[in-house]
Amino acid sequence: MFKTILCPIDGSDHSRKALKLAIDLAGTHGAKLVIQHNMLLNADAEELERFARAEGLGGKVEPEVKRLRAVEGRLNYGFEEPPESTPRMYAEIGQSLLDGAKEDAREKGLKHVETVLTDGEAARQILRCIEDREVDCVIMGSRGLSDMRALYLGSVSHKVLNRAPCTCIAVK
């Protein structure tokens, strides 16, 4: 029934549940599994801390959390740009998350697993991945790490569910 299943992950509980379902469904249908993570470059300190706690990466992200807390709630005028290592750190965190998810899929016997690390507006990146990889099913968490912001701007899952041209499953 499905040939290519996309599972965007962000480290949240809902995305972990979505990944488990995606692995099971891909195994059942012999489908390719594409696991995508969009880097948390615009995360605030609280989001980054939650992510780090969930992934056991507290020490690795501590300097960035401190930097974010120092500028939180202030005007950005006069502040230096983030250190050059910051984007690299987010990429390393994202790749670590993808590697763990791919290993989970391999342990369940999946042979066709691809990982994709993206950066930018999350819903747009997911929709681009759907198109580029001819995805026919998306399985994603109904809520991610940025719940409060989503109340005002609309959640990533809501945007994807309404715009994707394929079957979509939201997991709680």
Protein backbone atom coordinates (compact mmCIF):
# COMPACT_ATOMS: atom_id res chain seq x y z
CA MET A 1 0.00 0.00 0.00
CA PHE A 2 2.74 2.51 0.94
CA LYS A 3 6.08 2.72 -0.86
CA THR A 4 7.72 5.62 0.98
CA ILE A 5 6.87 6.72 4.53
CA LEU A 6 8.16 9.97 5.99
CA CYS A 7 8.52 10.42 9.74
CA PRO A 8 9.63 13.89 10.86
CA ILE A 9 11.11 13.75 14.37
CA ASP A 10 12.02 16.42 16.90
CA GLY A 11 12.75 14.46 20.07
CA SER A 12 9.30 14.98 21.61
CA ASP A 13 7.26 12.14 23.10
CA HIS A 14 4.76 12.38 20.25
CA SER A 15 7.48 12.11 17.62
CA ARG A 16 8.92 9.05 19.38
CA LYS A 17 5.49 7.38 19.21
CA ALA A 18 5.16 8.42 15.57
CA LEU A 19 8.55 6.86 14.80
CA LYS A 20 7.50 3.55 16.37
CA LEU A 21 4.35 3.51 14.25
CA ALA A 22 6.27 4.50 11.12
CA ILE A 23 8.79 1.69 11.67
CA ASP A 24 5.98 -0.85 12.18
CA LEU A 25 4.05 0.35 9.13
CA ALA A 26 7.16 0.45 6.92
CA GLY A 27 8.01 -3.08 8.01
CA THR A 28 4.48 -4.32 7.33
CA HIS A 29 4.36 -2.78 3.84
CA GLY A 30 8.02 -3.26 2.90
CA ALA A 31 8.20 0.50 2.44
CA LYS A 32 11.21 2.79 2.49
CA LEU A 33 11.34 4.88 5.66
CA VAL A 34 12.58 8.46 5.47
CA ILE A 35 13.31 10.00 8.87
CA GLN A 36 13.63 13.78 8.87
CA HIS A 37 14.80 16.22 11.53
CA ASN A 38 14.59 19.96 11.09
CA MET A 39 17.30 21.66 13.14
CA LEU A 40 16.10 23.66 16.13
CA LEU A 41 17.94 26.83 15.08
CA ASN A 42 15.09 29.06 16.27
CA ALA A 43 14.46 27.21 19.51
CA ASP A 44 14.25 29.19 22.71
CA ALA A 45 16.14 28.16 25.85
CA GLU A 46 13.22 26.18 27.28
CA GLU A 47 12.69 24.19 24.08
CA LEU A 48 16.39 23.43 23.80
CA GLU A 49 16.57 22.35 27.44
CA ARG A 50 13.58 20.00 27.05
CA PHE A 51 15.13 18.51 23.93
CA ALA A 52 18.52 18.08 25.62
CA ARG A 53 16.92 16.42 28.65
CA ALA A 54 14.92 14.04 26.48
CA GLU A 55 17.99 13.09 24.45
CA GLY A 56 20.50 13.01 27.32
CA LEU A 57 22.48 15.89 25.81
CA GLY A 58 22.39 18.34 28.73
CA GLY A 59 26.13 19.03 28.89
CA LYS A 60 26.49 19.44 25.15
CA VAL A 61 23.85 22.18 24.88
CA GLU A 62 24.45 23.92 28.21
CA PRO A 63 26.54 26.79 26.72
CA GLU A 64 23.86 27.52 24.12
CA VAL A 65 21.07 27.41 26.73
CA LYS A 66 23.00 29.94 28.82
CA ARG A 67 23.47 32.20 25.79
CA LEU A 68 19.78 32.01 24.92
CA ARG A 69 18.73 32.76 28.49
CA ALA A 70 21.05 35.79 28.54
CA VAL A 71 19.31 37.41 25.58
CA GLU A 72 15.78 36.16 26.19
CA GLY A 73 13.23 38.92 26.57
CA ARG A 74 15.62 41.67 25.45
CA LEU A 75 15.81 43.59 22.22
CA ASN A 76 18.39 42.09 19.90
CA TYR A 77 20.01 45.46 19.20
CA GLY A 78 23.67 45.47 20.02
CA PHE A 79 24.00 41.75 20.70
CA GLU A 80 26.65 39.77 18.94
CA GLU A 81 25.70 37.03 16.55
CA PRO A 82 25.67 33.51 17.97
CA PRO A 83 29.11 31.89 18.06
CA GLU A 84 30.10 30.17 14.84
CA SER A 85 29.95 26.81 16.61
CA THR A 86 26.22 27.19 17.38
CA PRO A 87 24.85 26.02 13.97
CA ARG A 88 27.34 23.15 13.98
CA MET A 89 26.14 22.15 17.46
CA TYR A 90 22.51 22.09 16.29
CA ALA A 91 23.53 19.98 13.28
CA GLU A 92 25.39 17.54 15.54
CA ILE A 93 22.38 17.27 17.86
CA GLY A 94 20.05 16.70 14.89
CA GLN A 95 22.33 14.10 13.35
CA SER A 96 22.58 12.32 16.69
CA LEU A 97 18.79 12.17 16.89
CA LEU A 98 18.57 10.86 13.31
CA ASP A 99 21.28 8.26 13.89
CA GLY A 100 19.43 6.92 16.93
CA ALA A 101 16.15 6.74 15.01
CA LYS A 102 17.82 4.97 12.09
CA GLU A 103 19.37 2.46 14.48
CA ASP A 104 15.91 1.81 15.99
CA ALA A 105 14.56 1.12 12.50
CA ARG A 106 17.48 -1.18 11.62
CA GLU A 107 17.01 -3.12 14.87
CA LYS A 108 13.39 -3.76 13.82
CA GLY A 109 14.62 -5.20 10.52
CA LEU A 110 14.09 -2.29 8.14
CA LYS A 111 16.58 -2.29 5.30
CA HIS A 112 15.56 0.85 3.39
CA VAL A 113 16.03 3.76 5.79
CA GLU A 114 17.11 7.26 4.80
CA THR A 115 17.75 10.20 7.12
CA VAL A 116 17.38 13.85 6.19
CA LEU A 117 18.65 16.82 8.20
CA THR A 118 17.03 20.11 7.22
CA ASP A 119 17.03 23.70 8.38
CA GLY A 120 14.36 26.36 7.98
CA GLU A 121 10.65 26.61 8.60
CA ALA A 122 9.71 23.07 9.67
CA ALA A 123 6.39 22.61 7.84
CA ARG A 124 7.90 23.92 4.60
CA GLN A 125 10.86 21.54 4.91
CA ILE A 126 8.58 18.57 5.57
CA LEU A 127 6.39 19.42 2.58
CA ARG A 128 9.51 19.78 0.40
CA CYS A 129 10.72 16.36 1.57
CA ILE A 130 7.32 14.85 0.69
CA GLU A 131 7.60 16.20 -2.83
CA ASP A 132 11.30 15.46 -3.39
CA ARG A 133 11.07 11.85 -2.22
CA GLU A 134 7.60 11.05 -3.59
CA VAL A 135 6.31 10.22 -0.11
CA ASP A 136 2.87 8.58 0.01
CA CYS A 137 2.44 8.59 3.81
CA VAL A 138 3.56 10.96 6.56
CA ILE A 139 3.48 9.88 10.19
CA MET A 140 4.26 12.61 12.67
CA GLY A 141 3.62 13.69 16.23
CA SER A 142 0.56 15.85 16.72
CA ARG A 143 2.54 18.15 19.02
CA GLY A 144 6.25 18.77 19.14
CA LEU A 145 8.66 20.68 21.30
CA SER A 146 7.22 24.14 20.65
CA ASP A 147 3.67 23.73 21.96
CA MET A 148 3.17 27.28 23.28
CA ARG A 149 4.29 28.99 20.09
CA ALA A 150 2.08 26.62 18.08
CA LEU A 151 -1.01 27.87 19.90
CA TYR A 152 -0.47 31.25 18.29
CA LEU A 153 1.08 30.40 14.94
CA GLY A 154 -0.43 26.99 14.17
CA SER A 155 1.42 23.77 14.76
CA VAL A 156 3.77 22.20 12.25
CA SER A 157 1.63 19.06 12.18
CA HIS A 158 -1.52 21.10 11.49
CA LYS A 159 0.16 22.83 8.53
CA VAL A 160 1.48 19.58 7.10
CA LEU A 161 -1.81 17.71 7.57
CA ASN A 162 -3.65 20.43 5.69
CA ARG A 163 -1.17 20.91 2.84
CA ALA A 164 0.35 17.49 2.16
CA PRO A 165 -0.84 15.69 -0.98
CA CYS A 166 -0.56 12.26 0.65
CA THR A 167 -1.92 10.22 3.53
CA CYS A 168 -1.07 11.82 6.88
CA ILE A 169 -1.23 10.28 10.33
CA ALA A 170 -0.87 12.44 13.46
CA VAL A 171 0.16 10.58 16.59
CA LYS A 172 -0.56 11.64 20.20
